[in-house]
Amino acid sequence: MSRHEFRSNATDVAKPGMWREVAPSPAHYALINEANSYLRMYVLGQCSVVVTREYGKWHLSIAHRDRYPTWDELATARYKAIPDAAWMVMVLPPGREYINLHPNCFQIIEVDGAQFQ
């Protein structure tokens, strides 16, 4: 299998200034607790990105006001905000356990990559 490095096909994602760090609002500081001492927020085009470390594992949330984030937006945020060595997945739990407080938000979490190698 040949390997390819990540590159975005979305021209708007690649434009200068489309990725920037922003200060968390006071409401976001509730995300800081005994399990999570890391919080960073970014804007990617029209998407908001929140990055935390929960119990030592990376967690990235990406949302758009009017639509689902695209694959390129999701992947760009992952590769800009999370260390490259991390293995990140999107989890779809059983329906009775599904929780999403924002209709257009995707969550990706770090997993042990050994099972994929």
PDB file of N, CA and C in Angstrom:
ATOM      1  N   MET A   1       0.836  -1.162   0.000  1.00  0.00           N
ATOM      2  CA  MET A   1       0.000   0.000   0.000  1.00  0.00           C
ATOM      3  C   MET A   1       0.893   1.240   0.000  1.00  0.00           C
ATOM      4  N   SER A   2       0.604   2.178  -0.877  1.00  0.00           N
ATOM      5  CA  SER A   2       1.407   3.403  -0.898  1.00  0.00           C
ATOM      6  C   SER A   2       0.854   4.392   0.122  1.00  0.00           C
ATOM      7  N   ARG A   3       1.723   5.241   0.625  1.00  0.00           N
ATOM      8  CA  ARG A   3       1.325   6.236   1.615  1.00  0.00           C
ATOM      9  C   ARG A   3       1.304   7.611   0.968  1.00  0.00           C
ATOM     10  N   HIS A   4       0.326   8.394   1.368  1.00  0.00           N
ATOM     11  CA  HIS A   4       0.192   9.765   0.878  1.00  0.00           C
ATOM     12  C   HIS A   4       0.038  10.680   2.075  1.00  0.00           C
ATOM     13  N   GLU A   5       0.654  11.847   2.021  1.00  0.00           N
ATOM     14  CA  GLU A   5       0.465  12.775   3.121  1.00  0.00           C
ATOM     15  C   GLU A   5      -0.869  13.488   2.940  1.00  0.00           C
ATOM     16  N   PHE A   6      -1.423  13.972   4.054  1.00  0.00           N
ATOM     17  CA  PHE A   6      -2.705  14.659   3.998  1.00  0.00           C
ATOM     18  C   PHE A   6      -2.577  15.963   3.235  1.00  0.00           C
ATOM     19  N   ARG A   7      -3.535  16.199   2.387  1.00  0.00           N
ATOM     20  CA  ARG A   7      -3.669  17.511   1.760  1.00  0.00           C
ATOM     21  C   ARG A   7      -5.155  17.756   1.562  1.00  0.00           C
ATOM     22  N   SER A   8      -5.540  18.995   1.655  1.00  0.00           N
ATOM     23  CA  SER A   8      -6.946  19.358   1.542  1.00  0.00           C
ATOM     24  C   SER A   8      -7.314  19.632   0.097  1.00  0.00           C
ATOM     25  N   ASN A   9      -8.499  19.209  -0.286  1.00  0.00           N
ATOM     26  CA  ASN A   9      -9.032  19.536  -1.606  1.00  0.00           C
ATOM     27  C   ASN A   9      -9.890  20.798  -1.559  1.00  0.00           C
ATOM     28  N   ALA A  10     -10.143  21.312  -0.381  1.00  0.00           N
ATOM     29  CA  ALA A  10     -11.003  22.479  -0.221  1.00  0.00           C
ATOM     30  C   ALA A  10     -10.170  23.747  -0.335  1.00  0.00           C
ATOM     31  N   THR A  11     -10.439  24.552  -1.340  1.00  0.00           N
ATOM     32  CA  THR A  11      -9.639  25.756  -1.556  1.00  0.00           C
ATOM     33  C   THR A  11      -9.824  26.762  -0.435  1.00  0.00           C
ATOM     34  N   ASP A  12     -11.036  26.848   0.157  1.00  0.00           N
ATOM     35  CA  ASP A  12     -11.245  27.826   1.226  1.00  0.00           C
ATOM     36  C   ASP A  12     -10.497  27.453   2.497  1.00  0.00           C
ATOM     37  N   VAL A  13     -10.281  26.167   2.733  1.00  0.00           N
ATOM     38  CA  VAL A  13      -9.546  25.725   3.918  1.00  0.00           C
ATOM     39  C   VAL A  13      -8.073  26.088   3.801  1.00  0.00           C
ATOM     40  N   ALA A  14      -7.547  26.101   2.586  1.00  0.00           N
ATOM     41  CA  ALA A  14      -6.125  26.347   2.371  1.00  0.00           C
ATOM     42  C   ALA A  14      -5.765  27.836   2.344  1.00  0.00           C
ATOM     43  N   LYS A  15      -6.744  28.722   2.317  1.00  0.00           N
ATOM     44  CA  LYS A  15      -6.449  30.153   2.232  1.00  0.00           C
ATOM     45  C   LYS A  15      -5.756  30.645   3.505  1.00  0.00           C
ATOM     46  N   PRO A  16      -4.809  31.564   3.361  1.00  0.00           N
ATOM     47  CA  PRO A  16      -4.152  32.130   4.544  1.00  0.00           C
ATOM     48  C   PRO A  16      -5.178  32.792   5.461  1.00  0.00           C
ATOM     49  N   GLY A  17      -4.988  32.648   6.755  1.00  0.00           N
ATOM     50  CA  GLY A  17      -5.874  33.262   7.730  1.00  0.00           C
ATOM     51  C   GLY A  17      -7.139  32.484   8.020  1.00  0.00           C
ATOM     52  N   MET A  18      -7.340  31.369   7.354  1.00  0.00           N
ATOM     53  CA  MET A  18      -8.555  30.588   7.581  1.00  0.00           C
ATOM     54  C   MET A  18      -8.470  29.764   8.859  1.00  0.00           C
ATOM     55  N   TRP A  19      -7.262  29.618   9.419  1.00  0.00           N
ATOM     56  CA  TRP A  19      -7.065  28.889  10.673  1.00  0.00           C
ATOM     57  C   TRP A  19      -6.462  29.853  11.671  1.00  0.00           C
ATOM     58  N   ARG A  20      -7.166  30.075  12.767  1.00  0.00           N
ATOM     59  CA  ARG A  20      -6.605  30.961  13.790  1.00  0.00           C
ATOM     60  C   ARG A  20      -7.096  30.534  15.162  1.00  0.00           C
ATOM     61  N   GLU A  21      -6.231  30.744  16.152  1.00  0.00           N
ATOM     62  CA  GLU A  21      -6.612  30.451  17.531  1.00  0.00           C
ATOM     63  C   GLU A  21      -7.403  31.630  18.083  1.00  0.00           C
ATOM     64  N   VAL A  22      -8.407  31.327  18.877  1.00  0.00           N
ATOM     65  CA  VAL A  22      -9.229  32.356  19.511  1.00  0.00           C
ATOM     66  C   VAL A  22      -9.291  32.090  21.010  1.00  0.00           C
ATOM     67  N   ALA A  23      -9.572  33.117  21.769  1.00  0.00           N
ATOM     68  CA  ALA A  23      -9.676  32.970  23.220  1.00  0.00           C
ATOM     69  C   ALA A  23     -10.993  32.286  23.582  1.00  0.00           C
ATOM     70  N   PRO A  24     -10.949  31.336  24.507  1.00  0.00           N
ATOM     71  CA  PRO A  24     -12.191  30.716  24.967  1.00  0.00           C
ATOM     72  C   PRO A  24     -13.080  31.742  25.667  1.00  0.00           C
ATOM     73  N   SER A  25     -14.380  31.549  25.539  1.00  0.00           N
ATOM     74  CA  SER A  25     -15.314  32.402  26.278  1.00  0.00           C
ATOM     75  C   SER A  25     -15.361  31.905  27.721  1.00  0.00           C
ATOM     76  N   PRO A  26     -15.836  32.738  28.643  1.00  0.00           N
ATOM     77  CA  PRO A  26     -15.939  32.289  30.042  1.00  0.00           C
ATOM     78  C   PRO A  26     -16.754  30.993  30.184  1.00  0.00           C
ATOM     79  N   ALA A  27     -17.766  30.799  29.371  1.00  0.00           N
ATOM     80  CA  ALA A  27     -18.576  29.570  29.446  1.00  0.00           C
ATOM     81  C   ALA A  27     -17.742  28.335  29.125  1.00  0.00           C
ATOM     82  N   HIS A  28     -16.762  28.468  28.251  1.00  0.00           N
ATOM     83  CA  HIS A  28     -15.929  27.321  27.875  1.00  0.00           C
ATOM     84  C   HIS A  28     -14.997  26.877  28.999  1.00  0.00           C
ATOM     85  N   TYR A  29     -14.736  27.759  29.958  1.00  0.00           N
ATOM     86  CA  TYR A  29     -13.846  27.375  31.049  1.00  0.00           C
ATOM     87  C   TYR A  29     -14.442  26.274  31.920  1.00  0.00           C
ATOM     88  N   ALA A  30     -15.738  26.033  31.775  1.00  0.00           N
ATOM     89  CA  ALA A  30     -16.361  24.905  32.481  1.00  0.00           C
ATOM     90  C   ALA A  30     -15.802  23.574  31.983  1.00  0.00           C
ATOM     91  N   LEU A  31     -15.179  23.578  30.804  1.00  0.00           N
ATOM     92  CA  LEU A  31     -14.575  22.359  30.262  1.00  0.00           C
ATOM     93  C   LEU A  31     -13.300  21.977  31.005  1.00  0.00           C
ATOM     94  N   ILE A  32     -12.734  22.912  31.748  1.00  0.00           N
ATOM     95  CA  ILE A  32     -11.533  22.628  32.530  1.00  0.00           C
ATOM     96  C   ILE A  32     -11.971  22.025  33.863  1.00  0.00           C
ATOM     97  N   ASN A  33     -11.483  20.827  34.144  1.00  0.00           N
ATOM     98  CA  ASN A  33     -11.833  20.145  35.393  1.00  0.00           C
ATOM     99  C   ASN A  33     -10.721  19.168  35.740  1.00  0.00           C
ATOM    100  N   GLU A  34     -10.949  18.299  36.714  1.00  0.00           N
ATOM    101  CA  GLU A  34      -9.897  17.368  37.139  1.00  0.00           C
ATOM    102  C   GLU A  34      -9.485  16.398  36.036  1.00  0.00           C
ATOM    103  N   ALA A  35     -10.371  16.127  35.084  1.00  0.00           N
ATOM    104  CA  ALA A  35     -10.051  15.206  33.993  1.00  0.00           C
ATOM    105  C   ALA A  35      -9.459  15.923  32.785  1.00  0.00           C
ATOM    106  N   ASN A  36      -9.612  17.240  32.713  1.00  0.00           N
ATOM    107  CA  ASN A  36      -9.205  17.977  31.530  1.00  0.00           C
ATOM    108  C   ASN A  36      -8.559  19.302  31.937  1.00  0.00           C
ATOM    109  N   SER A  37      -7.274  19.416  31.690  1.00  0.00           N
ATOM    110  CA  SER A  37      -6.585  20.661  32.020  1.00  0.00           C
ATOM    111  C   SER A  37      -6.137  21.413  30.774  1.00  0.00           C
ATOM    112  N   TYR A  38      -6.533  20.942  29.598  1.00  0.00           N
ATOM    113  CA  TYR A  38      -6.091  21.545  28.341  1.00  0.00           C
ATOM    114  C   TYR A  38      -7.312  22.019  27.563  1.00  0.00           C
ATOM    115  N   LEU A  39      -7.293  23.236  27.084  1.00  0.00           N
ATOM    116  CA  LEU A  39      -8.380  23.777  26.270  1.00  0.00           C
ATOM    117  C   LEU A  39      -7.805  24.758  25.272  1.00  0.00           C
ATOM    118  N   ARG A  40      -8.076  24.533  24.003  1.00  0.00           N
ATOM    119  CA  ARG A  40      -7.716  25.470  22.942  1.00  0.00           C
ATOM    120  C   ARG A  40      -8.916  25.592  22.020  1.00  0.00           C
ATOM    121  N   MET A  41      -9.115  26.802  21.495  1.00  0.00           N
ATOM    122  CA  MET A  41     -10.208  27.039  20.560  1.00  0.00           C
ATOM    123  C   MET A  41      -9.655  27.696  19.308  1.00  0.00           C
ATOM    124  N   TYR A  42     -10.241  27.310  18.172  1.00  0.00           N
ATOM    125  CA  TYR A  42      -9.786  27.809  16.880  1.00  0.00           C
ATOM    126  C   TYR A  42     -10.993  28.122  16.007  1.00  0.00           C
ATOM    127  N   VAL A  43     -10.727  28.878  14.958  1.00  0.00           N
ATOM    128  CA  VAL A  43     -11.687  29.084  13.886  1.00  0.00           C
ATOM    129  C   VAL A  43     -11.030  28.577  12.618  1.00  0.00           C
ATOM    130  N   LEU A  44     -11.758  27.773  11.869  1.00  0.00           N
ATOM    131  CA  LEU A  44     -11.308  27.266  10.575  1.00  0.00           C
ATOM    132  C   LEU A  44     -12.369  27.660   9.561  1.00  0.00           C
ATOM    133  N   GLY A  45     -12.108  28.723   8.814  1.00  0.00           N
ATOM    134  CA  GLY A  45     -13.138  29.227   7.906  1.00  0.00           C
ATOM    135  C   GLY A  45     -14.345  29.644   8.718  1.00  0.00           C
ATOM    136  N   GLN A  46     -15.477  28.979   8.498  1.00  0.00           N
ATOM    137  CA  GLN A  46     -16.702  29.263   9.254  1.00  0.00           C
ATOM    138  C   GLN A  46     -16.960  28.222  10.339  1.00  0.00           C
ATOM    139  N   CYS A  47     -16.007  27.347  10.573  1.00  0.00           N
ATOM    140  CA  CYS A  47     -16.155  26.308  11.603  1.00  0.00           C
ATOM    141  C   CYS A  47     -15.487  26.731  12.903  1.00  0.00           C
ATOM    142  N   SER A  48     -16.090  26.318  14.005  1.00  0.00           N
ATOM    143  CA  SER A  48     -15.445  26.476  15.307  1.00  0.00           C
ATOM    144  C   SER A  48     -14.834  25.132  15.681  1.00  0.00           C
ATOM    145  N   VAL A  49     -13.678  25.184  16.319  1.00  0.00           N
ATOM    146  CA  VAL A  49     -12.949  23.978  16.703  1.00  0.00           C
ATOM    147  C   VAL A  49     -12.563  24.108  18.174  1.00  0.00           C
ATOM    148  N   VAL A  50     -12.891  23.086  18.955  1.00  0.00           N
ATOM    149  CA  VAL A  50     -12.523  23.040  20.370  1.00  0.00           C
ATOM    150  C   VAL A  50     -11.661  21.800  20.571  1.00  0.00           C
ATOM    151  N   VAL A  51     -10.490  21.977  21.186  1.00  0.00           N
ATOM    152  CA  VAL A  51      -9.572  20.866  21.440  1.00  0.00           C
ATOM    153  C   VAL A  51      -9.333  20.766  22.941  1.00  0.00           C
ATOM    154  N   THR A  52      -9.505  19.564  23.474  1.00  0.00           N
ATOM    155  CA  THR A  52      -9.236  19.297  24.882  1.00  0.00           C
ATOM    156  C   THR A  52      -8.433  18.008  24.992  1.00  0.00           C
ATOM    157  N   ARG A  53      -7.904  17.774  26.181  1.00  0.00           N
ATOM    158  CA  ARG A  53      -7.298  16.476  26.525  1.00  0.00           C
ATOM    159  C   ARG A  53      -8.056  15.962  27.723  1.00  0.00           C
ATOM    160  N   GLU A  54      -8.787  14.888  27.504  1.00  0.00           N
ATOM    161  CA  GLU A  54      -9.620  14.313  28.552  1.00  0.00           C
ATOM    162  C   GLU A  54      -9.026  12.986  28.994  1.00  0.00           C
ATOM    163  N   TYR A  55      -8.673  12.906  30.263  1.00  0.00           N
ATOM    164  CA  TYR A  55      -8.023  11.707  30.812  1.00  0.00           C
ATOM    165  C   TYR A  55      -6.790  11.338  29.988  1.00  0.00           C
ATOM    166  N   GLY A  56      -6.061  12.353  29.540  1.00  0.00           N
ATOM    167  CA  GLY A  56      -4.824  12.131  28.807  1.00  0.00           C
ATOM    168  C   GLY A  56      -4.987  11.834  27.328  1.00  0.00           C
ATOM    169  N   LYS A  57      -6.211  11.858  26.807  1.00  0.00           N
ATOM    170  CA  LYS A  57      -6.476  11.578  25.391  1.00  0.00           C
ATOM    171  C   LYS A  57      -7.013  12.832  24.708  1.00  0.00           C
ATOM    172  N   TRP A  58      -6.614  13.029  23.461  1.00  0.00           N
ATOM    173  CA  TRP A  58      -7.072  14.180  22.687  1.00  0.00           C
ATOM    174  C   TRP A  58      -8.545  14.035  22.332  1.00  0.00           C
ATOM    175  N   HIS A  59      -9.249  15.171  22.303  1.00  0.00           N
ATOM    176  CA  HIS A  59     -10.650  15.237  21.899  1.00  0.00           C
ATOM    177  C   HIS A  59     -10.825  16.522  21.098  1.00  0.00           C
ATOM    178  N   LEU A  60     -11.351  16.406  19.886  1.00  0.00           N
ATOM    179  CA  LEU A  60     -11.571  17.556  19.021  1.00  0.00           C
ATOM    180  C   LEU A  60     -13.041  17.605  18.641  1.00  0.00           C
ATOM    181  N   SER A  61     -13.651  18.774  18.782  1.00  0.00           N
ATOM    182  CA  SER A  61     -15.014  19.022  18.327  1.00  0.00           C
ATOM    183  C   SER A  61     -14.947  20.073  17.241  1.00  0.00           C
ATOM    184  N   ILE A  62     -15.651  19.846  16.134  1.00  0.00           N
ATOM    185  CA  ILE A  62     -15.707  20.829  15.059  1.00  0.00           C
ATOM    186  C   ILE A  62     -17.163  21.024  14.669  1.00  0.00           C
ATOM    187  N   ALA A  63     -17.581  22.280  14.564  1.00  0.00           N
ATOM    188  CA  ALA A  63     -18.982  22.582  14.273  1.00  0.00           C
ATOM    189  C   ALA A  63     -19.081  23.733  13.272  1.00  0.00           C
ATOM    190  N   HIS A  64     -20.185  23.740  12.559  1.00  0.00           N
ATOM    191  CA  HIS A  64     -20.524  24.823  11.642  1.00  0.00           C
ATOM    192  C   HIS A  64     -21.943  25.262  11.966  1.00  0.00           C
ATOM    193  N   ARG A  65     -22.207  26.520  11.857  1.00  0.00           N
ATOM    194  CA  ARG A  65     -23.520  27.069  12.207  1.00  0.00           C
ATOM    195  C   ARG A  65     -24.657  26.500  11.351  1.00  0.00           C
ATOM    196  N   ASP A  66     -24.428  26.300  10.045  1.00  0.00           N
ATOM    197  CA  ASP A  66     -25.527  25.986   9.127  1.00  0.00           C
ATOM    198  C   ASP A  66     -25.466  24.616   8.455  1.00  0.00           C
ATOM    199  N   ARG A  67     -24.373  23.894   8.626  1.00  0.00           N
ATOM    200  CA  ARG A  67     -24.206  22.623   7.906  1.00  0.00           C
ATOM    201  C   ARG A  67     -23.219  21.748   8.655  1.00  0.00           C
ATOM    202  N   TYR A  68     -23.109  20.496   8.216  1.00  0.00           N
ATOM    203  CA  TYR A  68     -22.056  19.641   8.763  1.00  0.00           C
ATOM    204  C   TYR A  68     -20.700  20.131   8.268  1.00  0.00           C
ATOM    205  N   PRO A  69     -19.665  20.056   9.091  1.00  0.00           N
ATOM    206  CA  PRO A  69     -18.315  20.318   8.582  1.00  0.00           C
ATOM    207  C   PRO A  69     -17.976  19.304   7.487  1.00  0.00           C
ATOM    208  N   THR A  70     -17.208  19.753   6.508  1.00  0.00           N
ATOM    209  CA  THR A  70     -16.796  18.848   5.430  1.00  0.00           C
ATOM    210  C   THR A  70     -15.662  17.947   5.909  1.00  0.00           C
ATOM    211  N   TRP A  71     -15.400  16.905   5.131  1.00  0.00           N
ATOM    212  CA  TRP A  71     -14.268  16.030   5.448  1.00  0.00           C
ATOM    213  C   TRP A  71     -12.973  16.829   5.478  1.00  0.00           C
ATOM    214  N   ASP A  72     -12.773  17.719   4.514  1.00  0.00           N
ATOM    215  CA  ASP A  72     -11.548  18.511   4.473  1.00  0.00           C
ATOM    216  C   ASP A  72     -11.424  19.412   5.692  1.00  0.00           C
ATOM    217  N   GLU A  73     -12.528  19.990   6.143  1.00  0.00           N
ATOM    218  CA  GLU A  73     -12.477  20.814   7.351  1.00  0.00           C
ATOM    219  C   GLU A  73     -12.126  19.964   8.567  1.00  0.00           C
ATOM    220  N   LEU A  74     -12.757  18.815   8.699  1.00  0.00           N
ATOM    221  CA  LEU A  74     -12.482  17.916   9.817  1.00  0.00           C
ATOM    222  C   LEU A  74     -11.022  17.471   9.809  1.00  0.00           C
ATOM    223  N   ALA A  75     -10.547  17.006   8.667  1.00  0.00           N
ATOM    224  CA  ALA A  75      -9.167  16.525   8.580  1.00  0.00           C
ATOM    225  C   ALA A  75      -8.162  17.658   8.774  1.00  0.00           C
ATOM    226  N   THR A  76      -8.435  18.831   8.226  1.00  0.00           N
ATOM    227  CA  THR A  76      -7.530  19.965   8.405  1.00  0.00           C
ATOM    228  C   THR A  76      -7.429  20.332   9.883  1.00  0.00           C
ATOM    229  N   ALA A  77      -8.557  20.398  10.568  1.00  0.00           N
ATOM    230  CA  ALA A  77      -8.536  20.718  11.995  1.00  0.00           C
ATOM    231  C   ALA A  77      -7.743  19.667  12.766  1.00  0.00           C
ATOM    232  N   ARG A  78      -7.960  18.403  12.449  1.00  0.00           N
ATOM    233  CA  ARG A  78      -7.239  17.328  13.139  1.00  0.00           C
ATOM    234  C   ARG A  78      -5.734  17.496  12.989  1.00  0.00           C
ATOM    235  N   TYR A  79      -5.271  17.706  11.739  1.00  0.00           N
ATOM    236  CA  TYR A  79      -3.832  17.764  11.492  1.00  0.00           C
ATOM    237  C   TYR A  79      -3.204  19.077  11.934  1.00  0.00           C
ATOM    238  N   LYS A  80      -3.984  20.134  12.105  1.00  0.00           N
ATOM    239  CA  LYS A  80      -3.442  21.393  12.608  1.00  0.00           C
ATOM    240  C   LYS A  80      -3.428  21.440  14.137  1.00  0.00           C
ATOM    241  N   ALA A  81      -4.401  20.805  14.786  1.00  0.00           N
ATOM    242  CA  ALA A  81      -4.570  20.987  16.222  1.00  0.00           C
ATOM    243  C   ALA A  81      -4.080  19.834  17.084  1.00  0.00           C
ATOM    244  N   ILE A  82      -3.950  18.652  16.507  1.00  0.00           N
ATOM    245  CA  ILE A  82      -3.621  17.451  17.275  1.00  0.00           C
ATOM    246  C   ILE A  82      -2.248  16.942  16.825  1.00  0.00           C
ATOM    247  N   PRO A  83      -1.391  16.514  17.753  1.00  0.00           N
ATOM    248  CA  PRO A  83      -0.093  15.969  17.344  1.00  0.00           C
ATOM    249  C   PRO A  83      -0.252  14.825  16.340  1.00  0.00           C
ATOM    250  N   ASP A  84       0.638  14.788  15.375  1.00  0.00           N
ATOM    251  CA  ASP A  84       0.536  13.826  14.281  1.00  0.00           C
ATOM    252  C   ASP A  84       0.547  12.379  14.749  1.00  0.00           C
ATOM    253  N   ALA A  85       1.226  12.083  15.839  1.00  0.00           N
ATOM    254  CA  ALA A  85       1.339  10.696  16.307  1.00  0.00           C
ATOM    255  C   ALA A  85       0.020  10.130  16.847  1.00  0.00           C
ATOM    256  N   ALA A  86      -0.944  10.996  17.131  1.00  0.00           N
ATOM    257  CA  ALA A  86      -2.221  10.533  17.699  1.00  0.00           C
ATOM    258  C   ALA A  86      -3.080   9.855  16.632  1.00  0.00           C
ATOM    259  N   TRP A  87      -3.753   8.787  17.043  1.00  0.00           N
ATOM    260  CA  TRP A  87      -4.751   8.108  16.202  1.00  0.00           C
ATOM    261  C   TRP A  87      -6.117   8.619  16.620  1.00  0.00           C
ATOM    262  N   MET A  88      -6.842   9.231  15.696  1.00  0.00           N
ATOM    263  CA  MET A  88      -8.128   9.855  16.009  1.00  0.00           C
ATOM    264  C   MET A  88      -9.247   9.141  15.256  1.00  0.00           C
ATOM    265  N   VAL A  89     -10.385   8.974  15.935  1.00  0.00           N
ATOM    266  CA  VAL A  89     -11.541   8.315  15.313  1.00  0.00           C
ATOM    267  C   VAL A  89     -12.816   9.080  15.646  1.00  0.00           C
ATOM    268  N   MET A  90     -13.822   8.887  14.801  1.00  0.00           N
ATOM    269  CA  MET A  90     -15.163   9.376  15.083  1.00  0.00           C
ATOM    270  C   MET A  90     -15.967   8.173  15.548  1.00  0.00           C
ATOM    271  N   VAL A  91     -16.573   8.292  16.706  1.00  0.00           N
ATOM    272  CA  VAL A  91     -17.303   7.179  17.309  1.00  0.00           C
ATOM    273  C   VAL A  91     -18.797   7.407  17.141  1.00  0.00           C
ATOM    274  N   LEU A  92     -19.488   6.370  16.725  1.00  0.00           N
ATOM    275  CA  LEU A  92     -20.948   6.406  16.662  1.00  0.00           C
ATOM    276  C   LEU A  92     -21.463   5.342  17.621  1.00  0.00           C
ATOM    277  N   PRO A  93     -21.847   5.747  18.823  1.00  0.00           N
ATOM    278  CA  PRO A  93     -22.288   4.782  19.835  1.00  0.00           C
ATOM    279  C   PRO A  93     -23.689   4.258  19.512  1.00  0.00           C
ATOM    280  N   PRO A  94     -24.165   3.296  20.299  1.00  0.00           N
ATOM    281  CA  PRO A  94     -25.554   2.876  20.138  1.00  0.00           C
ATOM    282  C   PRO A  94     -26.478   4.098  20.245  1.00  0.00           C
ATOM    283  N   GLY A  95     -27.569   4.080  19.512  1.00  0.00           N
ATOM    284  CA  GLY A  95     -28.473   5.225  19.463  1.00  0.00           C
ATOM    285  C   GLY A  95     -28.922   5.719  20.822  1.00  0.00           C
ATOM    286  N   ARG A  96     -29.169   4.816  21.750  1.00  0.00           N
ATOM    287  CA  ARG A  96     -29.641   5.229  23.081  1.00  0.00           C
ATOM    288  C   ARG A  96     -28.562   5.979  23.864  1.00  0.00           C
ATOM    289  N   GLU A  97     -27.305   5.885  23.429  1.00  0.00           N
ATOM    290  CA  GLU A  97     -26.197   6.557  24.116  1.00  0.00           C
ATOM    291  C   GLU A  97     -25.723   7.806  23.363  1.00  0.00           C
ATOM    292  N   TYR A  98     -26.313   8.064  22.191  1.00  0.00           N
ATOM    293  CA  TYR A  98     -25.877   9.177  21.346  1.00  0.00           C
ATOM    294  C   TYR A  98     -26.273  10.508  21.978  1.00  0.00           C
ATOM    295  N   ILE A  99     -25.303  11.412  22.110  1.00  0.00           N
ATOM    296  CA  ILE A  99     -25.549  12.751  22.639  1.00  0.00           C
ATOM    297  C   ILE A  99     -24.813  13.738  21.743  1.00  0.00           C
ATOM    298  N   ASN A 100     -25.504  14.768  21.305  1.00  0.00           N
ATOM    299  CA  ASN A 100     -24.866  15.844  20.561  1.00  0.00           C
ATOM    300  C   ASN A 100     -25.620  17.122  20.883  1.00  0.00           C
ATOM    301  N   LEU A 101     -24.962  18.069  21.509  1.00  0.00           N
ATOM    302  CA  LEU A 101     -25.619  19.292  21.930  1.00  0.00           C
ATOM    303  C   LEU A 101     -25.726  20.326  20.813  1.00  0.00           C
ATOM    304  N   HIS A 102     -25.072  20.066  19.692  1.00  0.00           N
ATOM    305  CA  HIS A 102     -25.101  20.978  18.546  1.00  0.00           C
ATOM    306  C   HIS A 102     -25.434  20.149  17.315  1.00  0.00           C
ATOM    307  N   PRO A 103     -26.412  20.551  16.508  1.00  0.00           N
ATOM    308  CA  PRO A 103     -26.844  19.702  15.391  1.00  0.00           C
ATOM    309  C   PRO A 103     -25.799  19.502  14.295  1.00  0.00           C
ATOM    310  N   ASN A 104     -24.811  20.378  14.196  1.00  0.00           N
ATOM    311  CA  ASN A 104     -23.815  20.281  13.124  1.00  0.00           C
ATOM    312  C   ASN A 104     -22.404  20.133  13.675  1.00  0.00           C
ATOM    313  N   CYS A 105     -22.252  19.323  14.701  1.00  0.00           N
ATOM    314  CA  CYS A 105     -20.969  19.161  15.370  1.00  0.00           C
ATOM    315  C   CYS A 105     -20.493  17.718  15.255  1.00  0.00           C
ATOM    316  N   PHE A 106     -19.225  17.537  14.919  1.00  0.00           N
ATOM    317  CA  PHE A 106     -18.594  16.223  14.902  1.00  0.00           C
ATOM    318  C   PHE A 106     -17.540  16.176  15.999  1.00  0.00           C
ATOM    319  N   GLN A 107     -17.384  15.012  16.595  1.00  0.00           N
ATOM    320  CA  GLN A 107     -16.404  14.781  17.649  1.00  0.00           C
ATOM    321  C   GLN A 107     -15.430  13.708  17.159  1.00  0.00           C
ATOM    322  N   ILE A 108     -14.152  13.934  17.361  1.00  0.00           N
ATOM    323  CA  ILE A 108     -13.179  12.866  17.142  1.00  0.00           C
ATOM    324  C   ILE A 108     -12.347  12.733  18.403  1.00  0.00           C
ATOM    325  N   ILE A 109     -12.006  11.494  18.732  1.00  0.00           N
ATOM    326  CA  ILE A 109     -11.278  11.217  19.964  1.00  0.00           C
ATOM    327  C   ILE A 109     -10.060  10.352  19.669  1.00  0.00           C
ATOM    328  N   GLU A 110      -9.078  10.450  20.540  1.00  0.00           N
ATOM    329  CA  GLU A 110      -7.857   9.656  20.406  1.00  0.00           C
ATOM    330  C   GLU A 110      -8.097   8.231  20.905  1.00  0.00           C
ATOM    331  N   VAL A 111      -7.555   7.273  20.161  1.00  0.00           N
ATOM    332  CA  VAL A 111      -7.608   5.868  20.553  1.00  0.00           C
ATOM    333  C   VAL A 111      -6.198   5.288  20.468  1.00  0.00           C
ATOM    334  N   ASP A 112      -6.037   4.098  21.001  1.00  0.00           N
ATOM    335  CA  ASP A 112      -4.768   3.377  20.903  1.00  0.00           C
ATOM    336  C   ASP A 112      -4.592   2.931  19.453  1.00  0.00           C
ATOM    337  N   GLY A 113      -3.598   3.447  18.783  1.00  0.00           N
ATOM    338  CA  GLY A 113      -3.389   3.151  17.373  1.00  0.00           C
ATOM    339  C   GLY A 113      -2.862   1.762  17.092  1.00  0.00           C
ATOM    340  N   ALA A 114      -2.413   1.039  18.115  1.00  0.00           N
ATOM    341  CA  ALA A 114      -1.830  -0.290  17.903  1.00  0.00           C
ATOM    342  C   ALA A 114      -2.821  -1.243  17.232  1.00  0.00           C
ATOM    343  N   GLN A 115      -4.086  -1.075  17.497  1.00  0.00           N
ATOM    344  CA  GLN A 115      -5.070  -1.982  16.907  1.00  0.00           C
ATOM    345  C   GLN A 115      -5.237  -1.764  15.405  1.00  0.00           C
ATOM    346  N   PHE A 116      -4.743  -0.642  14.880  1.00  0.00           N
ATOM    347  CA  PHE A 116      -4.878  -0.344  13.459  1.00  0.00           C
ATOM    348  C   PHE A 116      -3.602  -0.623  12.672  1.00  0.00           C
ATOM    349  N   GLN A 117      -2.523  -0.935  13.366  1.00  0.00           N
ATOM    350  CA  GLN A 117      -1.234  -1.114  12.670  1.00  0.00           C
ATOM    351  C   GLN A 117      -1.015  -2.551  12.280  1.00  0.00           C
TER     352      GLN A 117
END
